Amino acid sequence: MTSSMFDDAALGIGTSPPLVARMLNKLTSPKSGPALMLKAHRRLYMRTDGRIGPGMIGAWTLLLHTTGRRTGQPRISALVFARDGARFILAASNDGKDWAPAWFHNLRSNPAVELQVGRHHLSGQAIIIERSEPNYTRLWELMNATNHGRYNWYQSKTSRPIPLVVITP
């Protein structure tokens, strides 16, 4: 696969999500959207095979496919992402709760994941980046800027250092 496959234009994403989504994002800042809205977003993204969903909540999102660490069953999470070249960056923020999200534990157990970005499906390998690692600050700032400062707010709500995940297709 060529690196041009992984650029934003090839994946069908631009520099900012559609206007309605950006307006919605302003209304819910700095909080995450209501749980029912996020669940509906994930379902719509899945049912339309990515035709609707990638920019729906005011930031670009992907579907992360993991394998349940206990059940072995497929799990799907809709997550905001940032790009670092061909790599995808995720934050295991869990809205600032004191525990990591289930998808994070799943990929820690099995780092082979699938991504859906819009209508594009990619296989990838996940690597966890902890706060003590040298690249963390740069990636955190990139992730925080992508989601309009929300990650700094999430971090302020918890004493748990929020890890980042880098997925390389």
N, C-alpha and C. Protein backbone atom coordinates (compact mmCIF):
# COMPACT_ATOMS: atom_id res chain seq x y z
N MET A 1 0.83 -1.18 0.00
CA MET A 1 0.00 0.00 0.00
C MET A 1 0.88 1.24 0.00
N THR A 2 0.49 2.19 -0.79
CA THR A 2 1.28 3.41 -0.86
C THR A 2 0.86 4.39 0.23
N SER A 3 1.77 5.29 0.56
CA SER A 3 1.46 6.27 1.61
C SER A 3 0.37 7.24 1.17
N SER A 4 0.20 7.44 -0.16
CA SER A 4 -0.86 8.34 -0.62
C SER A 4 -2.24 7.79 -0.27
N MET A 5 -2.35 6.46 -0.08
CA MET A 5 -3.61 5.86 0.34
C MET A 5 -4.05 6.38 1.70
N PHE A 6 -3.09 6.81 2.49
CA PHE A 6 -3.38 7.18 3.86
C PHE A 6 -3.46 8.69 4.06
N ASP A 7 -3.38 9.47 2.97
CA ASP A 7 -3.50 10.92 3.18
C ASP A 7 -4.98 11.27 3.35
N ASP A 8 -5.23 12.44 3.93
CA ASP A 8 -6.59 12.84 4.28
C ASP A 8 -7.52 12.88 3.07
N ALA A 9 -7.04 13.38 1.94
CA ALA A 9 -7.89 13.47 0.75
C ALA A 9 -8.31 12.09 0.28
N ALA A 10 -7.38 11.15 0.28
CA ALA A 10 -7.71 9.78 -0.16
C ALA A 10 -8.71 9.12 0.78
N LEU A 11 -8.67 9.49 2.06
CA LEU A 11 -9.60 8.92 3.03
C LEU A 11 -10.93 9.68 3.06
N GLY A 12 -11.02 10.77 2.32
CA GLY A 12 -12.27 11.51 2.25
C GLY A 12 -12.52 12.45 3.41
N ILE A 13 -11.44 12.85 4.11
CA ILE A 13 -11.60 13.80 5.20
C ILE A 13 -10.86 15.07 4.86
N GLY A 14 -11.36 16.18 5.35
CA GLY A 14 -10.74 17.47 5.09
C GLY A 14 -10.15 18.05 6.35
N THR A 15 -9.88 19.34 6.31
CA THR A 15 -9.28 19.99 7.47
C THR A 15 -10.28 20.22 8.59
N SER A 16 -11.56 20.39 8.25
CA SER A 16 -12.56 20.53 9.30
C SER A 16 -13.84 19.83 8.87
N PRO A 17 -14.57 19.28 9.85
CA PRO A 17 -15.82 18.60 9.54
C PRO A 17 -16.86 19.58 8.99
N PRO A 18 -17.97 19.07 8.48
CA PRO A 18 -19.00 19.94 7.93
C PRO A 18 -19.49 20.99 8.94
N LEU A 19 -20.04 22.09 8.43
CA LEU A 19 -20.44 23.23 9.24
C LEU A 19 -21.41 22.85 10.36
N VAL A 20 -22.42 22.06 10.08
CA VAL A 20 -23.39 21.69 11.11
C VAL A 20 -22.68 20.96 12.25
N ALA A 21 -21.77 20.07 11.91
CA ALA A 21 -21.03 19.34 12.93
C ALA A 21 -20.18 20.29 13.78
N ARG A 22 -19.55 21.27 13.14
CA ARG A 22 -18.73 22.23 13.90
C ARG A 22 -19.59 23.04 14.84
N MET A 23 -20.80 23.39 14.41
CA MET A 23 -21.71 24.15 15.27
C MET A 23 -22.14 23.29 16.46
N LEU A 24 -22.44 22.01 16.22
CA LEU A 24 -22.81 21.10 17.29
C LEU A 24 -21.67 20.97 18.28
N ASN A 25 -20.45 20.90 17.78
CA ASN A 25 -19.28 20.78 18.63
C ASN A 25 -19.18 21.98 19.57
N LYS A 26 -19.45 23.16 19.08
CA LYS A 26 -19.39 24.37 19.90
C LYS A 26 -20.43 24.33 21.02
N LEU A 27 -21.59 23.76 20.72
CA LEU A 27 -22.66 23.70 21.71
C LEU A 27 -22.34 22.75 22.87
N THR A 28 -21.55 21.71 22.61
CA THR A 28 -21.27 20.72 23.65
C THR A 28 -19.90 20.92 24.29
N SER A 29 -19.11 21.87 23.83
CA SER A 29 -17.77 22.08 24.38
C SER A 29 -17.85 22.50 25.83
N PRO A 30 -16.90 22.11 26.68
CA PRO A 30 -15.83 21.16 26.40
C PRO A 30 -16.24 19.72 26.69
N LYS A 31 -17.48 19.50 27.04
CA LYS A 31 -17.93 18.16 27.37
C LYS A 31 -18.05 17.30 26.13
N SER A 32 -18.05 16.01 26.36
CA SER A 32 -18.36 15.08 25.30
C SER A 32 -19.86 15.14 25.07
N GLY A 33 -20.30 14.69 23.91
CA GLY A 33 -21.73 14.68 23.62
C GLY A 33 -22.46 13.71 24.53
N PRO A 34 -23.79 13.86 24.62
CA PRO A 34 -24.58 12.93 25.42
C PRO A 34 -24.40 11.49 24.92
N ALA A 35 -24.45 10.54 25.85
CA ALA A 35 -24.20 9.14 25.52
C ALA A 35 -25.13 8.63 24.42
N LEU A 36 -26.40 9.00 24.47
CA LEU A 36 -27.33 8.53 23.43
C LEU A 36 -26.94 9.07 22.05
N MET A 37 -26.48 10.32 21.99
CA MET A 37 -26.07 10.90 20.72
C MET A 37 -24.84 10.17 20.18
N LEU A 38 -23.89 9.87 21.07
CA LEU A 38 -22.67 9.16 20.64
C LEU A 38 -22.99 7.75 20.17
N LYS A 39 -23.91 7.09 20.85
CA LYS A 39 -24.32 5.74 20.44
C LYS A 39 -25.02 5.79 19.07
N ALA A 40 -25.89 6.78 18.89
CA ALA A 40 -26.56 6.94 17.60
C ALA A 40 -25.55 7.24 16.49
N HIS A 41 -24.55 8.05 16.82
CA HIS A 41 -23.50 8.36 15.85
C HIS A 41 -22.78 7.10 15.40
N ARG A 42 -22.39 6.25 16.35
CA ARG A 42 -21.68 5.01 16.02
C ARG A 42 -22.55 4.11 15.14
N ARG A 43 -23.81 3.97 15.51
CA ARG A 43 -24.73 3.12 14.73
C ARG A 43 -24.93 3.64 13.31
N LEU A 44 -25.10 4.95 13.17
CA LEU A 44 -25.29 5.54 11.85
C LEU A 44 -24.04 5.37 11.01
N TYR A 45 -22.88 5.57 11.60
CA TYR A 45 -21.60 5.38 10.91
C TYR A 45 -21.51 3.94 10.39
N MET A 46 -21.86 2.98 11.24
CA MET A 46 -21.78 1.57 10.85
C MET A 46 -22.81 1.23 9.78
N ARG A 47 -24.06 1.63 9.98
CA ARG A 47 -25.15 1.26 9.05
C ARG A 47 -24.98 1.85 7.66
N THR A 48 -24.34 3.02 7.57
CA THR A 48 -24.15 3.65 6.26
C THR A 48 -22.78 3.32 5.68
N ASP A 49 -22.06 2.42 6.32
CA ASP A 49 -20.70 2.06 5.91
C ASP A 49 -19.81 3.28 5.72
N GLY A 50 -19.97 4.25 6.62
CA GLY A 50 -19.10 5.41 6.62
C GLY A 50 -19.53 6.54 5.71
N ARG A 51 -20.64 6.39 5.00
CA ARG A 51 -21.11 7.50 4.16
C ARG A 51 -21.56 8.66 5.04
N ILE A 52 -22.14 8.33 6.20
CA ILE A 52 -22.53 9.34 7.19
C ILE A 52 -21.80 9.00 8.48
N GLY A 53 -21.20 9.97 9.11
CA GLY A 53 -20.57 9.70 10.39
C GLY A 53 -19.19 10.25 10.62
N PRO A 54 -18.30 10.24 9.63
CA PRO A 54 -16.92 10.62 9.93
C PRO A 54 -16.74 12.02 10.50
N GLY A 55 -17.55 13.00 10.06
CA GLY A 55 -17.42 14.37 10.57
C GLY A 55 -18.65 14.84 11.29
N MET A 56 -19.49 13.91 11.69
CA MET A 56 -20.81 14.25 12.22
C MET A 56 -20.79 14.95 13.57
N ILE A 57 -19.84 14.65 14.44
CA ILE A 57 -19.88 15.20 15.80
C ILE A 57 -18.97 16.40 16.01
N GLY A 58 -18.45 16.97 14.94
CA GLY A 58 -17.64 18.18 15.06
C GLY A 58 -16.15 17.94 15.05
N ALA A 59 -15.75 16.70 15.01
CA ALA A 59 -14.34 16.32 14.87
C ALA A 59 -14.33 15.05 14.03
N TRP A 60 -13.26 14.81 13.31
CA TRP A 60 -13.20 13.61 12.47
C TRP A 60 -13.12 12.37 13.36
N THR A 61 -13.92 11.38 13.00
CA THR A 61 -13.97 10.15 13.78
C THR A 61 -13.72 8.94 12.90
N LEU A 62 -13.30 7.87 13.54
CA LEU A 62 -13.12 6.59 12.87
C LEU A 62 -13.83 5.53 13.70
N LEU A 63 -14.00 4.37 13.10
CA LEU A 63 -14.51 3.21 13.84
C LEU A 63 -13.33 2.30 14.12
N LEU A 64 -13.12 2.01 15.38
CA LEU A 64 -12.04 1.12 15.80
C LEU A 64 -12.65 -0.25 16.09
N HIS A 65 -12.16 -1.25 15.39
CA HIS A 65 -12.61 -2.63 15.58
C HIS A 65 -11.55 -3.37 16.40
N THR A 66 -11.93 -3.81 17.58
CA THR A 66 -11.03 -4.57 18.44
C THR A 66 -11.67 -5.92 18.73
N THR A 67 -10.92 -6.78 19.41
CA THR A 67 -11.43 -8.06 19.86
C THR A 67 -11.54 -8.00 21.38
N GLY A 68 -12.72 -8.34 21.90
CA GLY A 68 -12.93 -8.32 23.35
C GLY A 68 -11.93 -9.21 24.05
N ARG A 69 -11.25 -8.67 25.04
CA ARG A 69 -10.18 -9.42 25.72
C ARG A 69 -10.72 -10.60 26.51
N ARG A 70 -11.93 -10.53 26.99
CA ARG A 70 -12.52 -11.63 27.76
C ARG A 70 -13.38 -12.54 26.90
N THR A 71 -14.14 -11.93 25.99
CA THR A 71 -15.12 -12.69 25.22
C THR A 71 -14.60 -13.19 23.88
N GLY A 72 -13.59 -12.49 23.34
CA GLY A 72 -13.12 -12.82 22.00
C GLY A 72 -14.06 -12.33 20.91
N GLN A 73 -15.11 -11.59 21.30
CA GLN A 73 -16.11 -11.07 20.35
C GLN A 73 -15.64 -9.75 19.75
N PRO A 74 -16.05 -9.47 18.52
CA PRO A 74 -15.70 -8.17 17.92
C PRO A 74 -16.37 -7.02 18.65
N ARG A 75 -15.64 -5.93 18.80
CA ARG A 75 -16.13 -4.71 19.45
C ARG A 75 -15.84 -3.53 18.53
N ILE A 76 -16.74 -2.57 18.50
CA ILE A 76 -16.58 -1.41 17.63
C ILE A 76 -16.81 -0.14 18.45
N SER A 77 -15.87 0.79 18.35
CA SER A 77 -15.97 2.08 19.03
C SER A 77 -15.77 3.19 18.01
N ALA A 78 -16.58 4.24 18.11
CA ALA A 78 -16.40 5.44 17.29
C ALA A 78 -15.55 6.41 18.10
N LEU A 79 -14.42 6.82 17.54
CA LEU A 79 -13.46 7.63 18.28
C LEU A 79 -12.94 8.80 17.45
N VAL A 80 -12.70 9.91 18.11
CA VAL A 80 -12.03 11.04 17.48
C VAL A 80 -10.57 10.64 17.28
N PHE A 81 -10.00 11.08 16.17
CA PHE A 81 -8.60 10.76 15.89
C PHE A 81 -7.85 11.98 15.39
N ALA A 82 -6.54 11.89 15.49
CA ALA A 82 -5.65 12.86 14.86
C ALA A 82 -4.74 12.07 13.93
N ARG A 83 -4.12 12.78 13.02
CA ARG A 83 -3.19 12.14 12.09
C ARG A 83 -1.77 12.60 12.39
N ASP A 84 -0.84 11.67 12.27
CA ASP A 84 0.58 11.96 12.36
C ASP A 84 1.22 11.22 11.20
N GLY A 85 1.26 11.88 10.05
CA GLY A 85 1.68 11.19 8.83
C GLY A 85 0.63 10.15 8.47
N ALA A 86 1.07 8.92 8.25
CA ALA A 86 0.14 7.83 7.92
C ALA A 86 -0.47 7.21 9.17
N ARG A 87 0.01 7.62 10.33
CA ARG A 87 -0.46 7.02 11.59
C ARG A 87 -1.71 7.72 12.11
N PHE A 88 -2.51 6.96 12.85
CA PHE A 88 -3.72 7.47 13.49
C PHE A 88 -3.47 7.53 14.99
N ILE A 89 -3.83 8.66 15.61
CA ILE A 89 -3.62 8.85 17.04
C ILE A 89 -4.98 8.87 17.73
N LEU A 90 -5.08 8.11 18.82
CA LEU A 90 -6.29 8.07 19.64
C LEU A 90 -5.91 8.38 21.08
N ALA A 91 -6.83 8.92 21.83
CA ALA A 91 -6.61 9.18 23.26
C ALA A 91 -7.57 8.30 24.06
N ALA A 92 -7.03 7.57 25.03
CA ALA A 92 -7.85 6.69 25.87
C ALA A 92 -8.40 7.49 27.05
N SER A 93 -9.15 8.55 26.74
CA SER A 93 -9.59 9.51 27.75
C SER A 93 -10.79 9.04 28.56
N ASN A 94 -11.71 8.33 27.94
CA ASN A 94 -12.94 7.88 28.60
C ASN A 94 -13.65 9.07 29.27
N ASP A 95 -13.67 10.19 28.58
CA ASP A 95 -14.32 11.42 29.07
C ASP A 95 -13.79 11.87 30.42
N GLY A 96 -12.54 11.55 30.73
CA GLY A 96 -11.93 11.99 31.99
C GLY A 96 -12.29 11.13 33.19
N LYS A 97 -12.83 9.95 32.95
CA LYS A 97 -13.12 9.04 34.08
C LYS A 97 -11.82 8.47 34.62
N ASP A 98 -11.88 7.92 35.84
CA ASP A 98 -10.68 7.40 36.49
C ASP A 98 -10.26 6.02 35.99
N TRP A 99 -10.91 5.51 34.98
CA TRP A 99 -10.53 4.21 34.41
C TRP A 99 -10.49 4.34 32.89
N ALA A 100 -9.66 3.53 32.30
CA ALA A 100 -9.50 3.55 30.84
C ALA A 100 -10.72 2.92 30.17
N PRO A 101 -11.00 3.30 28.93
CA PRO A 101 -12.13 2.72 28.22
C PRO A 101 -11.87 1.25 27.86
N ALA A 102 -12.95 0.50 27.65
CA ALA A 102 -12.85 -0.93 27.33
C ALA A 102 -12.03 -1.17 26.07
N TRP A 103 -12.19 -0.32 25.05
CA TRP A 103 -11.45 -0.53 23.81
C TRP A 103 -9.94 -0.50 24.05
N PHE A 104 -9.50 0.31 25.02
CA PHE A 104 -8.07 0.41 25.33
C PHE A 104 -7.56 -0.92 25.92
N HIS A 105 -8.33 -1.50 26.84
CA HIS A 105 -7.94 -2.78 27.41
C HIS A 105 -7.94 -3.87 26.34
N ASN A 106 -8.89 -3.80 25.42
CA ASN A 106 -8.95 -4.78 24.34
C ASN A 106 -7.72 -4.71 23.45
N LEU A 107 -7.30 -3.52 23.06
CA LEU A 107 -6.13 -3.45 22.18
C LEU A 107 -4.82 -3.67 22.92
N ARG A 108 -4.83 -3.42 24.22
CA ARG A 108 -3.64 -3.77 25.02
C ARG A 108 -3.46 -5.29 25.00
N SER A 109 -4.57 -6.01 25.05
CA SER A 109 -4.56 -7.46 25.02
C SER A 109 -4.25 -8.00 23.62
N ASN A 110 -4.75 -7.31 22.60
CA ASN A 110 -4.53 -7.73 21.21
C ASN A 110 -4.37 -6.47 20.35
N PRO A 111 -3.13 -6.08 20.04
CA PRO A 111 -2.90 -4.82 19.34
C PRO A 111 -3.21 -4.84 17.84
N ALA A 112 -3.61 -5.98 17.29
CA ALA A 112 -4.01 -6.03 15.88
C ALA A 112 -5.45 -5.52 15.80
N VAL A 113 -5.65 -4.42 15.08
CA VAL A 113 -6.96 -3.78 15.01
C VAL A 113 -7.34 -3.51 13.56
N GLU A 114 -8.60 -3.20 13.38
CA GLU A 114 -9.12 -2.73 12.09
C GLU A 114 -9.64 -1.32 12.32
N LEU A 115 -9.46 -0.47 11.32
CA LEU A 115 -9.98 0.89 11.35
C LEU A 115 -10.91 1.08 10.18
N GLN A 116 -11.94 1.86 10.40
CA GLN A 116 -12.75 2.34 9.29
C GLN A 116 -12.75 3.85 9.39
N VAL A 117 -12.25 4.48 8.34
CA VAL A 117 -12.21 5.94 8.25
C VAL A 117 -13.07 6.29 7.04
N GLY A 118 -14.25 6.84 7.32
CA GLY A 118 -15.20 7.04 6.23
C GLY A 118 -15.56 5.67 5.67
N ARG A 119 -15.38 5.48 4.38
CA ARG A 119 -15.70 4.20 3.76
C ARG A 119 -14.47 3.31 3.58
N HIS A 120 -13.33 3.76 4.07
CA HIS A 120 -12.08 3.02 3.90
C HIS A 120 -11.81 2.13 5.12
N HIS A 121 -11.46 0.88 4.85
CA HIS A 121 -11.16 -0.08 5.90
C HIS A 121 -9.67 -0.40 5.85
N LEU A 122 -9.01 -0.32 7.01
CA LEU A 122 -7.57 -0.54 7.10
C LEU A 122 -7.26 -1.47 8.27
N SER A 123 -6.26 -2.31 8.10
CA SER A 123 -5.74 -3.10 9.21
C SER A 123 -4.60 -2.31 9.83
N GLY A 124 -4.40 -2.48 11.12
CA GLY A 124 -3.32 -1.74 11.76
C GLY A 124 -2.81 -2.43 13.00
N GLN A 125 -1.73 -1.91 13.49
CA GLN A 125 -1.09 -2.39 14.70
C GLN A 125 -1.03 -1.23 15.68
N ALA A 126 -1.54 -1.45 16.89
CA ALA A 126 -1.62 -0.39 17.90
C ALA A 126 -0.42 -0.44 18.85
N ILE A 127 0.08 0.73 19.18
CA ILE A 127 1.15 0.88 20.16
C ILE A 127 0.68 1.92 21.18
N ILE A 128 0.84 1.61 22.45
CA ILE A 128 0.43 2.53 23.52
C ILE A 128 1.58 3.47 23.84
N ILE A 129 1.27 4.76 23.92
CA ILE A 129 2.26 5.78 24.26
C ILE A 129 1.87 6.35 25.62
N GLU A 130 2.72 6.14 26.59
CA GLU A 130 2.48 6.65 27.95
C GLU A 130 3.06 8.06 28.08
N ARG A 131 2.62 8.79 29.09
CA ARG A 131 3.04 10.17 29.30
C ARG A 131 4.55 10.32 29.44
N SER A 132 5.23 9.31 29.94
CA SER A 132 6.68 9.39 30.16
C SER A 132 7.50 9.28 28.87
N GLU A 133 6.88 8.90 27.77
CA GLU A 133 7.62 8.72 26.52
C GLU A 133 7.86 10.06 25.83
N PRO A 134 9.02 10.19 25.16
CA PRO A 134 9.41 11.49 24.61
C PRO A 134 8.46 12.07 23.57
N ASN A 135 7.78 11.26 22.80
CA ASN A 135 6.90 11.74 21.74
C ASN A 135 5.51 12.11 22.26
N TYR A 136 5.22 11.80 23.51
CA TYR A 136 3.88 11.97 24.07
C TYR A 136 3.37 13.41 23.99
N THR A 137 4.17 14.36 24.41
CA THR A 137 3.71 15.76 24.46
C THR A 137 3.32 16.26 23.09
N ARG A 138 4.13 15.99 22.08
CA ARG A 138 3.81 16.43 20.72
C ARG A 138 2.51 15.79 20.23
N LEU A 139 2.36 14.48 20.47
CA LEU A 139 1.16 13.79 20.02
C LEU A 139 -0.07 14.25 20.81
N TRP A 140 0.11 14.51 22.11
CA TRP A 140 -1.00 15.00 22.94
C TRP A 140 -1.50 16.34 22.40
N GLU A 141 -0.58 17.25 22.11
CA GLU A 141 -0.96 18.57 21.59
C GLU A 141 -1.69 18.45 20.26
N LEU A 142 -1.24 17.53 19.42
CA LEU A 142 -1.89 17.28 18.14
C LEU A 142 -3.31 16.76 18.37
N MET A 143 -3.45 15.80 19.25
CA MET A 143 -4.77 15.21 19.57
C MET A 143 -5.69 16.25 20.20
N ASN A 144 -5.19 17.02 21.13
CA ASN A 144 -5.98 18.04 21.81
C ASN A 144 -6.47 19.10 20.82
N ALA A 145 -5.62 19.54 19.91
CA ALA A 145 -6.01 20.53 18.91
C ALA A 145 -7.09 19.97 17.99
N THR A 146 -7.00 18.71 17.66
CA THR A 146 -7.99 18.08 16.79
C THR A 146 -9.37 18.09 17.41
N ASN A 147 -9.45 17.99 18.73
CA ASN A 147 -10.74 17.91 19.41
C ASN A 147 -11.04 19.18 20.22
N HIS A 148 -10.56 20.31 19.73
CA HIS A 148 -10.95 21.62 20.27
C HIS A 148 -10.66 21.78 21.76
N GLY A 149 -9.53 21.24 22.25
CA GLY A 149 -9.11 21.42 23.63
C GLY A 149 -9.77 20.49 24.64
N ARG A 150 -10.59 19.57 24.18
CA ARG A 150 -11.31 18.69 25.11
C ARG A 150 -10.38 17.77 25.91
N TYR A 151 -9.29 17.33 25.31
CA TYR A 151 -8.45 16.36 26.02
C TYR A 151 -7.77 16.98 27.24
N ASN A 152 -7.40 18.25 27.16
CA ASN A 152 -6.87 18.90 28.37
C ASN A 152 -7.94 18.94 29.46
N TRP A 153 -9.19 19.19 29.06
CA TRP A 153 -10.29 19.21 30.03
C TRP A 153 -10.50 17.82 30.62
N TYR A 154 -10.48 16.78 29.78
CA TYR A 154 -10.62 15.41 30.28
C TYR A 154 -9.51 15.09 31.27
N GLN A 155 -8.27 15.48 30.93
CA GLN A 155 -7.14 15.18 31.82
C GLN A 155 -7.30 15.90 33.15
N SER A 156 -7.88 17.10 33.15
CA SER A 156 -8.06 17.84 34.40
C SER A 156 -9.08 17.17 35.33
N LYS A 157 -9.92 16.31 34.80
CA LYS A 157 -10.95 15.63 35.58
C LYS A 157 -10.45 14.37 36.28
N THR A 158 -9.26 13.88 35.92
CA THR A 158 -8.78 12.62 36.47
C THR A 158 -7.31 12.71 36.85
N SER A 159 -6.92 11.92 37.84
CA SER A 159 -5.50 11.83 38.20
C SER A 159 -4.81 10.76 37.36
N ARG A 160 -5.59 9.95 36.63
CA ARG A 160 -5.04 8.91 35.77
C ARG A 160 -4.38 9.57 34.56
N PRO A 161 -3.10 9.30 34.33
CA PRO A 161 -2.50 9.83 33.09
C PRO A 161 -3.17 9.19 31.88
N ILE A 162 -3.70 10.00 31.00
CA ILE A 162 -4.40 9.49 29.83
C ILE A 162 -3.39 9.06 28.78
N PRO A 163 -3.36 7.76 28.47
CA PRO A 163 -2.42 7.29 27.44
C PRO A 163 -2.93 7.59 26.04
N LEU A 164 -2.03 7.62 25.11
CA LEU A 164 -2.36 7.75 23.69
C LEU A 164 -2.10 6.41 23.01
N VAL A 165 -2.76 6.23 21.91
CA VAL A 165 -2.56 5.02 21.11
C VAL A 165 -2.21 5.46 19.70
N VAL A 166 -1.14 4.89 19.19
CA VAL A 166 -0.73 5.15 17.81
C VAL A 166 -1.02 3.89 17.02
N ILE A 167 -1.78 4.05 15.94
CA ILE A 167 -2.09 2.91 15.09
C ILE A 167 -1.43 3.13 13.74
N THR A 168 -0.61 2.20 13.38
CA THR A 168 0.09 2.26 12.10
C THR A 168 -0.57 1.26 11.15
N PRO A 169 -1.11 1.78 10.02
CA PRO A 169 -1.75 0.87 9.05
C PRO A 169 -0.73 -0.06 8.41
